[in-house]
Each structure stands twice: as C-alpha cells, then as structure tokens.
Amino acid sequence: AQGHRIDHVEFHPAYHRLMDVAKTQGVAGLSWH
C-alpha cells in the first residue's frame, strides 16, 4: 500500500494447508531425512 516492491503471491489458505501436511509428512523430504 505504501508503494514498496514486494512481489508477493497470495494463495488460498487451503494451498498452505496442503503444503503443510505434505511437507511435514515427508512428501518433499522422506528420501533425505
């Protein structure tokens, strides 16, 4: 609102919940951790 460049992408809260469940359950990292 103040004119600063932020380049921010807004998602529906469902997107973040999907990402949260997937990341914490190992979809992105089980092979490594």
PDB file of all heavy atoms in Angstrom:
ATOM      1  N   ALA A   1       0.817  -1.219   0.000  1.00  0.00           N
ATOM      2  CA  ALA A   1       0.000   0.000   0.000  1.00  0.00           C
ATOM      3  C   ALA A   1       0.851   1.269   0.000  1.00  0.00           C
ATOM      4  O   ALA A   1       0.394   2.333  -0.438  1.00  0.00           O
ATOM      5  CB  ALA A   1      -0.925  -0.004   1.215  1.00  0.00           C
ATOM      6  N   GLN A   2       2.092   1.151   0.473  1.00  0.00           N
ATOM      7  CA  GLN A   2       2.972   2.318   0.510  1.00  0.00           C
ATOM      8  C   GLN A   2       3.815   2.471  -0.756  1.00  0.00           C
ATOM      9  O   GLN A   2       4.583   3.418  -0.884  1.00  0.00           O
ATOM     10  CB  GLN A   2       3.908   2.242   1.729  1.00  0.00           C
ATOM     11  CG  GLN A   2       3.188   2.451   3.061  1.00  0.00           C
ATOM     12  CD  GLN A   2       2.331   1.273   3.446  1.00  0.00           C
ATOM     13  OE1 GLN A   2       2.749   0.119   3.262  1.00  0.00           O
ATOM     14  NE2 GLN A   2       1.136   1.531   3.963  1.00  0.00           N
ATOM     15  N   GLY A   3       3.665   1.520  -1.675  1.00  0.00           N
ATOM     16  CA  GLY A   3       4.396   1.614  -2.933  1.00  0.00           C
ATOM     17  C   GLY A   3       5.696   0.851  -2.980  1.00  0.00           C
ATOM     18  O   GLY A   3       6.437   0.936  -3.964  1.00  0.00           O
ATOM     19  N   HIS A   4       6.006   0.093  -1.939  1.00  0.00           N
ATOM     20  CA  HIS A   4       7.228  -0.701  -1.938  1.00  0.00           C
ATOM     21  C   HIS A   4       7.039  -1.954  -2.789  1.00  0.00           C
ATOM     22  O   HIS A   4       5.986  -2.585  -2.767  1.00  0.00           O
ATOM     23  CB  HIS A   4       7.603  -1.116  -0.514  1.00  0.00           C
ATOM     24  CG  HIS A   4       7.802   0.035   0.407  1.00  0.00           C
ATOM     25  ND1 HIS A   4       6.961   0.300   1.469  1.00  0.00           N
ATOM     26  CD2 HIS A   4       8.746   1.012   0.426  1.00  0.00           C
ATOM     27  CE1 HIS A   4       7.380   1.369   2.112  1.00  0.00           C
ATOM     28  NE2 HIS A   4       8.457   1.834   1.490  1.00  0.00           N
ATOM     29  N   ARG A   5       8.083  -2.323  -3.498  1.00  0.00           N
ATOM     30  CA  ARG A   5       8.053  -3.545  -4.296  1.00  0.00           C
ATOM     31  C   ARG A   5       8.090  -4.752  -3.360  1.00  0.00           C
ATOM     32  O   ARG A   5       8.996  -4.879  -2.517  1.00  0.00           O
ATOM     33  CB  ARG A   5       9.254  -3.595  -5.247  1.00  0.00           C
ATOM     34  CG  ARG A   5       9.233  -4.753  -6.218  1.00  0.00           C
ATOM     35  CD  ARG A   5       8.646  -4.360  -7.539  1.00  0.00           C
ATOM     36  NE  ARG A   5       8.301  -5.519  -8.344  1.00  0.00           N
ATOM     37  CZ  ARG A   5       7.897  -5.445  -9.606  1.00  0.00           C
ATOM     38  NH1 ARG A   5       7.816  -4.264 -10.209  1.00  0.00           N
ATOM     39  NH2 ARG A   5       7.564  -6.522 -10.268  1.00  0.00           N
ATOM     40  N   ILE A   6       7.113  -5.641  -3.466  1.00  0.00           N
ATOM     41  CA  ILE A   6       7.088  -6.816  -2.580  1.00  0.00           C
ATOM     42  C   ILE A   6       7.040  -8.138  -3.341  1.00  0.00           C
ATOM     43  O   ILE A   6       7.450  -9.166  -2.828  1.00  0.00           O
ATOM     44  CB  ILE A   6       5.906  -6.750  -1.592  1.00  0.00           C
ATOM     45  CG1 ILE A   6       4.570  -6.636  -2.341  1.00  0.00           C
ATOM     46  CG2 ILE A   6       6.096  -5.596  -0.612  1.00  0.00           C
ATOM     47  CD1 ILE A   6       3.347  -6.739  -1.434  1.00  0.00           C
ATOM     48  N   ASP A   7       6.494  -8.132  -4.555  1.00  0.00           N
ATOM     49  CA  ASP A   7       6.409  -9.361  -5.362  1.00  0.00           C
ATOM     50  C   ASP A   7       5.906 -10.537  -4.534  1.00  0.00           C
ATOM     51  O   ASP A   7       6.547 -11.580  -4.423  1.00  0.00           O
ATOM     52  CB  ASP A   7       7.771  -9.695  -5.977  1.00  0.00           C
ATOM     53  CG  ASP A   7       8.147  -8.725  -7.088  1.00  0.00           C
ATOM     54  OD1 ASP A   7       7.247  -8.300  -7.821  1.00  0.00           O
ATOM     55  OD2 ASP A   7       9.337  -8.375  -7.209  1.00  0.00           O
ATOM     56  N   HIS A   8       4.744 -10.358  -3.972  1.00  0.00           N
ATOM     57  CA  HIS A   8       4.153 -11.352  -3.087  1.00  0.00           C
ATOM     58  C   HIS A   8       3.002 -12.066  -3.795  1.00  0.00           C
ATOM     59  O   HIS A   8       2.142 -11.424  -4.403  1.00  0.00           O
ATOM     60  CB  HIS A   8       3.630 -10.675  -1.815  1.00  0.00           C
ATOM     61  CG  HIS A   8       3.024 -11.627  -0.833  1.00  0.00           C
ATOM     62  ND1 HIS A   8       3.780 -12.427  -0.014  1.00  0.00           N
ATOM     63  CD2 HIS A   8       1.722 -11.926  -0.554  1.00  0.00           C
ATOM     64  CE1 HIS A   8       2.984 -13.166   0.744  1.00  0.00           C
ATOM     65  NE2 HIS A   8       1.731 -12.890   0.422  1.00  0.00           N
ATOM     66  N   VAL A   9       2.986 -13.392  -3.722  1.00  0.00           N
ATOM     67  CA  VAL A   9       1.915 -14.183  -4.318  1.00  0.00           C
ATOM     68  C   VAL A   9       1.002 -14.668  -3.200  1.00  0.00           C
ATOM     69  O   VAL A   9       1.451 -15.317  -2.247  1.00  0.00           O
ATOM     70  CB  VAL A   9       2.467 -15.372  -5.118  1.00  0.00           C
ATOM     71  CG1 VAL A   9       1.306 -16.158  -5.745  1.00  0.00           C
ATOM     72  CG2 VAL A   9       3.430 -14.898  -6.196  1.00  0.00           C
ATOM     73  N   GLU A  10      -0.280 -14.326  -3.316  1.00  0.00           N
ATOM     74  CA  GLU A  10      -1.270 -14.723  -2.321  1.00  0.00           C
ATOM     75  C   GLU A  10      -1.971 -16.002  -2.768  1.00  0.00           C
ATOM     76  O   GLU A  10      -2.394 -16.119  -3.910  1.00  0.00           O
ATOM     77  CB  GLU A  10      -2.303 -13.608  -2.126  1.00  0.00           C
ATOM     78  CG  GLU A  10      -1.716 -12.332  -1.557  1.00  0.00           C
ATOM     79  CD  GLU A  10      -2.764 -11.239  -1.429  1.00  0.00           C
ATOM     80  OE1 GLU A  10      -3.820 -11.336  -2.112  1.00  0.00           O
ATOM     81  OE2 GLU A  10      -2.532 -10.289  -0.664  1.00  0.00           O
ATOM     82  N   PHE A  11      -2.099 -16.957  -1.839  1.00  0.00           N
ATOM     83  CA  PHE A  11      -2.753 -18.231  -2.103  1.00  0.00           C
ATOM     84  C   PHE A  11      -3.966 -18.395  -1.194  1.00  0.00           C
ATOM     85  O   PHE A  11      -4.042 -17.801  -0.119  1.00  0.00           O
ATOM     86  CB  PHE A  11      -1.792 -19.402  -1.834  1.00  0.00           C
ATOM     87  CG  PHE A  11      -0.595 -19.452  -2.736  1.00  0.00           C
ATOM     88  CD1 PHE A  11       0.579 -18.783  -2.399  1.00  0.00           C
ATOM     89  CD2 PHE A  11      -0.630 -20.177  -3.912  1.00  0.00           C
ATOM     90  CE1 PHE A  11       1.689 -18.849  -3.227  1.00  0.00           C
ATOM     91  CE2 PHE A  11       0.479 -20.241  -4.744  1.00  0.00           C
ATOM     92  CZ  PHE A  11       1.643 -19.568  -4.402  1.00  0.00           C
ATOM     93  N   HIS A  12      -4.885 -19.227  -1.631  1.00  0.00           N
ATOM     94  CA  HIS A  12      -5.994 -19.620  -0.765  1.00  0.00           C
ATOM     95  C   HIS A  12      -5.415 -20.375   0.435  1.00  0.00           C
ATOM     96  O   HIS A  12      -4.436 -21.124   0.301  1.00  0.00           O
ATOM     97  CB  HIS A  12      -6.960 -20.520  -1.543  1.00  0.00           C
ATOM     98  CG  HIS A  12      -8.241 -20.794  -0.831  1.00  0.00           C
ATOM     99  ND1 HIS A  12      -8.345 -21.726   0.184  1.00  0.00           N
ATOM    100  CD2 HIS A  12      -9.485 -20.258  -0.971  1.00  0.00           C
ATOM    101  CE1 HIS A  12      -9.579 -21.763   0.635  1.00  0.00           C
ATOM    102  NE2 HIS A  12     -10.302 -20.879  -0.046  1.00  0.00           N
ATOM    103  N   PRO A  13      -5.982 -20.203   1.633  1.00  0.00           N
ATOM    104  CA  PRO A  13      -5.471 -20.931   2.804  1.00  0.00           C
ATOM    105  C   PRO A  13      -5.393 -22.441   2.601  1.00  0.00           C
ATOM    106  O   PRO A  13      -4.540 -23.108   3.212  1.00  0.00           O
ATOM    107  CB  PRO A  13      -6.480 -20.568   3.900  1.00  0.00           C
ATOM    108  CG  PRO A  13      -7.024 -19.238   3.486  1.00  0.00           C
ATOM    109  CD  PRO A  13      -7.064 -19.271   1.985  1.00  0.00           C
ATOM    110  N   ALA A  14      -6.255 -22.992   1.747  1.00  0.00           N
ATOM    111  CA  ALA A  14      -6.211 -24.442   1.502  1.00  0.00           C
ATOM    112  C   ALA A  14      -4.874 -24.857   0.903  1.00  0.00           C
ATOM    113  O   ALA A  14      -4.378 -25.959   1.175  1.00  0.00           O
ATOM    114  CB  ALA A  14      -7.356 -24.854   0.578  1.00  0.00           C
ATOM    115  N   TYR A  15      -4.296 -23.984   0.070  1.00  0.00           N
ATOM    116  CA  TYR A  15      -2.993 -24.290  -0.529  1.00  0.00           C
ATOM    117  C   TYR A  15      -1.947 -24.479   0.570  1.00  0.00           C
ATOM    118  O   TYR A  15      -1.173 -25.446   0.552  1.00  0.00           O
ATOM    119  CB  TYR A  15      -2.590 -23.164  -1.473  1.00  0.00           C
ATOM    120  CG  TYR A  15      -1.165 -23.255  -1.993  1.00  0.00           C
ATOM    121  CD1 TYR A  15      -0.877 -23.941  -3.163  1.00  0.00           C
ATOM    122  CD2 TYR A  15      -0.115 -22.658  -1.295  1.00  0.00           C
ATOM    123  CE1 TYR A  15       0.427 -24.025  -3.643  1.00  0.00           C
ATOM    124  CE2 TYR A  15       1.192 -22.738  -1.766  1.00  0.00           C
ATOM    125  CZ  TYR A  15       1.457 -23.421  -2.934  1.00  0.00           C
ATOM    126  OH  TYR A  15       2.743 -23.502  -3.396  1.00  0.00           O
ATOM    127  N   HIS A  16      -1.926 -23.559   1.518  1.00  0.00           N
ATOM    128  CA  HIS A  16      -0.924 -23.643   2.583  1.00  0.00           C
ATOM    129  C   HIS A  16      -1.155 -24.859   3.471  1.00  0.00           C
ATOM    130  O   HIS A  16      -0.193 -25.488   3.937  1.00  0.00           O
ATOM    131  CB  HIS A  16      -0.940 -22.357   3.411  1.00  0.00           C
ATOM    132  CG  HIS A  16      -0.444 -21.161   2.672  1.00  0.00           C
ATOM    133  ND1 HIS A  16       0.838 -21.071   2.178  1.00  0.00           N
ATOM    134  CD2 HIS A  16      -1.065 -20.001   2.320  1.00  0.00           C
ATOM    135  CE1 HIS A  16       0.996 -19.904   1.563  1.00  0.00           C
ATOM    136  NE2 HIS A  16      -0.145 -19.246   1.630  1.00  0.00           N
ATOM    137  N   ARG A  17      -2.391 -25.220   3.701  1.00  0.00           N
ATOM    138  CA  ARG A  17      -2.655 -26.420   4.488  1.00  0.00           C
ATOM    139  C   ARG A  17      -2.184 -27.660   3.747  1.00  0.00           C
ATOM    140  O   ARG A  17      -1.576 -28.567   4.342  1.00  0.00           O
ATOM    141  CB  ARG A  17      -4.158 -26.517   4.803  1.00  0.00           C
ATOM    142  CG  ARG A  17      -4.583 -27.795   5.516  1.00  0.00           C
ATOM    143  CD  ARG A  17      -3.868 -27.996   6.841  1.00  0.00           C
ATOM    144  NE  ARG A  17      -4.291 -29.246   7.479  1.00  0.00           N
ATOM    145  CZ  ARG A  17      -3.631 -29.843   8.468  1.00  0.00           C
ATOM    146  NH1 ARG A  17      -2.519 -29.300   8.952  1.00  0.00           N
ATOM    147  NH2 ARG A  17      -4.076 -30.973   8.984  1.00  0.00           N
ATOM    148  N   LEU A  18      -2.436 -27.729   2.449  1.00  0.00           N
ATOM    149  CA  LEU A  18      -1.954 -28.850   1.644  1.00  0.00           C
ATOM    150  C   LEU A  18      -0.435 -28.940   1.697  1.00  0.00           C
ATOM    151  O   LEU A  18       0.135 -30.028   1.868  1.00  0.00           O
ATOM    152  CB  LEU A  18      -2.411 -28.680   0.192  1.00  0.00           C
ATOM    153  CG  LEU A  18      -3.879 -28.995  -0.098  1.00  0.00           C
ATOM    154  CD1 LEU A  18      -4.344 -28.277  -1.359  1.00  0.00           C
ATOM    155  CD2 LEU A  18      -4.071 -30.505  -0.256  1.00  0.00           C
ATOM    156  N   MET A  19       0.231 -27.812   1.557  1.00  0.00           N
ATOM    157  CA  MET A  19       1.695 -27.802   1.601  1.00  0.00           C
ATOM    158  C   MET A  19       2.205 -28.196   2.984  1.00  0.00           C
ATOM    159  O   MET A  19       3.196 -28.940   3.102  1.00  0.00           O
ATOM    160  CB  MET A  19       2.195 -26.410   1.232  1.00  0.00           C
ATOM    161  CG  MET A  19       2.040 -26.048  -0.235  1.00  0.00           C
ATOM    162  SD  MET A  19       3.138 -27.003  -1.325  1.00  0.00           S
ATOM    163  CE  MET A  19       4.753 -26.419  -0.785  1.00  0.00           C
ATOM    164  N   ASP A  20       1.547 -27.709   4.009  1.00  0.00           N
ATOM    165  CA  ASP A  20       1.971 -28.003   5.370  1.00  0.00           C
ATOM    166  C   ASP A  20       1.882 -29.502   5.661  1.00  0.00           C
ATOM    167  O   ASP A  20       2.831 -30.120   6.173  1.00  0.00           O
ATOM    168  CB  ASP A  20       1.101 -27.214   6.354  1.00  0.00           C
ATOM    169  CG  ASP A  20       1.547 -27.384   7.793  1.00  0.00           C
ATOM    170  OD1 ASP A  20       2.763 -27.439   8.047  1.00  0.00           O
ATOM    171  OD2 ASP A  20       0.679 -27.480   8.673  1.00  0.00           O
ATOM    172  N   VAL A  21       0.745 -30.098   5.332  1.00  0.00           N
ATOM    173  CA  VAL A  21       0.575 -31.538   5.571  1.00  0.00           C
ATOM    174  C   VAL A  21       1.609 -32.330   4.767  1.00  0.00           C
ATOM    175  O   VAL A  21       2.264 -33.240   5.297  1.00  0.00           O
ATOM    176  CB  VAL A  21      -0.855 -31.985   5.209  1.00  0.00           C
ATOM    177  CG1 VAL A  21      -0.974 -33.509   5.267  1.00  0.00           C
ATOM    178  CG2 VAL A  21      -1.868 -31.347   6.145  1.00  0.00           C
ATOM    179  N   ALA A  22       1.763 -31.991   3.496  1.00  0.00           N
ATOM    180  CA  ALA A  22       2.684 -32.737   2.640  1.00  0.00           C
ATOM    181  C   ALA A  22       4.130 -32.628   3.115  1.00  0.00           C
ATOM    182  O   ALA A  22       4.862 -33.618   3.178  1.00  0.00           O
ATOM    183  CB  ALA A  22       2.563 -32.237   1.206  1.00  0.00           C
ATOM    184  N   LYS A  23       4.538 -31.412   3.459  1.00  0.00           N
ATOM    185  CA  LYS A  23       5.935 -31.222   3.876  1.00  0.00           C
ATOM    186  C   LYS A  23       6.207 -31.927   5.204  1.00  0.00           C
ATOM    187  O   LYS A  23       7.244 -32.596   5.368  1.00  0.00           O
ATOM    188  CB  LYS A  23       6.216 -29.719   3.997  1.00  0.00           C
ATOM    189  CG  LYS A  23       7.698 -29.343   4.126  1.00  0.00           C
ATOM    190  CD  LYS A  23       8.418 -29.456   2.807  1.00  0.00           C
ATOM    191  CE  LYS A  23       9.712 -28.623   2.785  1.00  0.00           C
ATOM    192  NZ  LYS A  23      10.722 -28.997   3.767  1.00  0.00           N
ATOM    193  N   THR A  24       5.297 -31.803   6.156  1.00  0.00           N
ATOM    194  CA  THR A  24       5.534 -32.420   7.457  1.00  0.00           C
ATOM    195  C   THR A  24       5.442 -33.940   7.412  1.00  0.00           C
ATOM    196  O   THR A  24       6.076 -34.628   8.216  1.00  0.00           O
ATOM    197  CB  THR A  24       4.540 -31.881   8.508  1.00  0.00           C
ATOM    198  OG1 THR A  24       3.202 -32.105   8.055  1.00  0.00           O
ATOM    199  CG2 THR A  24       4.739 -30.396   8.732  1.00  0.00           C
ATOM    200  N   GLN A  25       4.703 -34.471   6.440  1.00  0.00           N
ATOM    201  CA  GLN A  25       4.548 -35.927   6.325  1.00  0.00           C
ATOM    202  C   GLN A  25       5.607 -36.563   5.431  1.00  0.00           C
ATOM    203  O   GLN A  25       5.606 -37.781   5.248  1.00  0.00           O
ATOM    204  CB  GLN A  25       3.151 -36.259   5.793  1.00  0.00           C
ATOM    205  CG  GLN A  25       2.016 -35.870   6.723  1.00  0.00           C
ATOM    206  CD  GLN A  25       1.961 -36.717   7.975  1.00  0.00           C
ATOM    207  OE1 GLN A  25       2.154 -37.921   7.935  1.00  0.00           O
ATOM    208  NE2 GLN A  25       1.719 -36.078   9.106  1.00  0.00           N
ATOM    209  N   GLY A  26       6.490 -35.767   4.829  1.00  0.00           N
ATOM    210  CA  GLY A  26       7.614 -36.329   4.091  1.00  0.00           C
ATOM    211  C   GLY A  26       7.485 -36.394   2.597  1.00  0.00           C
ATOM    212  O   GLY A  26       8.348 -36.990   1.932  1.00  0.00           O
ATOM    213  N   VAL A  27       6.448 -35.792   2.014  1.00  0.00           N
ATOM    214  CA  VAL A  27       6.286 -35.848   0.558  1.00  0.00           C
ATOM    215  C   VAL A  27       7.469 -35.201  -0.151  1.00  0.00           C
ATOM    216  O   VAL A  27       7.859 -35.631  -1.240  1.00  0.00           O
ATOM    217  CB  VAL A  27       4.958 -35.170   0.129  1.00  0.00           C
ATOM    218  CG1 VAL A  27       4.820 -35.145  -1.386  1.00  0.00           C
ATOM    219  CG2 VAL A  27       3.773 -35.912   0.744  1.00  0.00           C
ATOM    220  N   ALA A  28       8.073 -34.180   0.479  1.00  0.00           N
ATOM    221  CA  ALA A  28       9.199 -33.490  -0.148  1.00  0.00           C
ATOM    222  C   ALA A  28      10.551 -33.887   0.427  1.00  0.00           C
ATOM    223  O   ALA A  28      11.575 -33.431  -0.085  1.00  0.00           O
ATOM    224  CB  ALA A  28       9.022 -31.970  -0.006  1.00  0.00           C
ATOM    225  N   GLY A  29      10.580 -34.732   1.459  1.00  0.00           N
ATOM    226  CA  GLY A  29      11.880 -34.959   2.067  1.00  0.00           C
ATOM    227  C   GLY A  29      12.141 -36.304   2.701  1.00  0.00           C
ATOM    228  O   GLY A  29      13.236 -36.532   3.227  1.00  0.00           O
ATOM    229  N   LEU A  30      11.193 -37.219   2.677  1.00  0.00           N
ATOM    230  CA  LEU A  30      11.386 -38.504   3.350  1.00  0.00           C
ATOM    231  C   LEU A  30      12.644 -39.217   2.860  1.00  0.00           C
ATOM    232  O   LEU A  30      13.362 -39.846   3.640  1.00  0.00           O
ATOM    233  CB  LEU A  30      10.155 -39.394   3.145  1.00  0.00           C
ATOM    234  CG  LEU A  30      10.205 -40.760   3.834  1.00  0.00           C
ATOM    235  CD1 LEU A  30      10.106 -40.595   5.344  1.00  0.00           C
ATOM    236  CD2 LEU A  30       9.082 -41.667   3.336  1.00  0.00           C
ATOM    237  N   SER A  31      12.925 -39.111   1.560  1.00  0.00           N
ATOM    238  CA  SER A  31      14.109 -39.770   0.999  1.00  0.00           C
ATOM    239  C   SER A  31      15.388 -39.321   1.686  1.00  0.00           C
ATOM    240  O   SER A  31      16.350 -40.090   1.796  1.00  0.00           O
ATOM    241  CB  SER A  31      14.233 -39.448  -0.502  1.00  0.00           C
ATOM    242  OG  SER A  31      13.061 -39.749  -1.188  1.00  0.00           O
ATOM    243  N   TRP A  32      15.385 -38.066   2.152  1.00  0.00           N
ATOM    244  CA  TRP A  32      16.625 -37.471   2.663  1.00  0.00           C
ATOM    245  C   TRP A  32      16.681 -37.465   4.188  1.00  0.00           C
ATOM    246  O   TRP A  32      17.755 -37.692   4.757  1.00  0.00           O
ATOM    247  CB  TRP A  32      16.764 -36.041   2.140  1.00  0.00           C
ATOM    248  CG  TRP A  32      16.456 -35.898   0.679  1.00  0.00           C
ATOM    249  CD1 TRP A  32      15.514 -35.091   0.114  1.00  0.00           C
ATOM    250  CD2 TRP A  32      17.075 -36.581  -0.419  1.00  0.00           C
ATOM    251  NE1 TRP A  32      15.498 -35.220  -1.248  1.00  0.00           N
ATOM    252  CE2 TRP A  32      16.450 -36.129  -1.612  1.00  0.00           C
ATOM    253  CE3 TRP A  32      18.094 -37.530  -0.516  1.00  0.00           C
ATOM    254  CZ2 TRP A  32      16.811 -36.593  -2.873  1.00  0.00           C
ATOM    255  CZ3 TRP A  32      18.462 -38.003  -1.782  1.00  0.00           C
ATOM    256  CH2 TRP A  32      17.824 -37.539  -2.931  1.00  0.00           C
ATOM    257  N   HIS A  33      15.551 -37.205   4.874  1.00  0.00           N
ATOM    258  CA  HIS A  33      15.637 -37.144   6.331  1.00  0.00           C
ATOM    259  C   HIS A  33      15.415 -38.499   6.990  1.00  0.00           C
ATOM    260  O   HIS A  33      15.604 -38.630   8.201  1.00  0.00           O
ATOM    261  CB  HIS A  33      14.697 -36.083   6.924  1.00  0.00           C
ATOM    262  CG  HIS A  33      13.235 -36.305   6.716  1.00  0.00           C
ATOM    263  ND1 HIS A  33      12.527 -37.332   7.292  1.00  0.00           N
ATOM    264  CD2 HIS A  33      12.309 -35.600   6.000  1.00  0.00           C
ATOM    265  CE1 HIS A  33      11.256 -37.252   6.954  1.00  0.00           C
ATOM    266  NE2 HIS A  33      11.087 -36.216   6.156  1.00  0.00           N
TER     267      HIS A  33
END
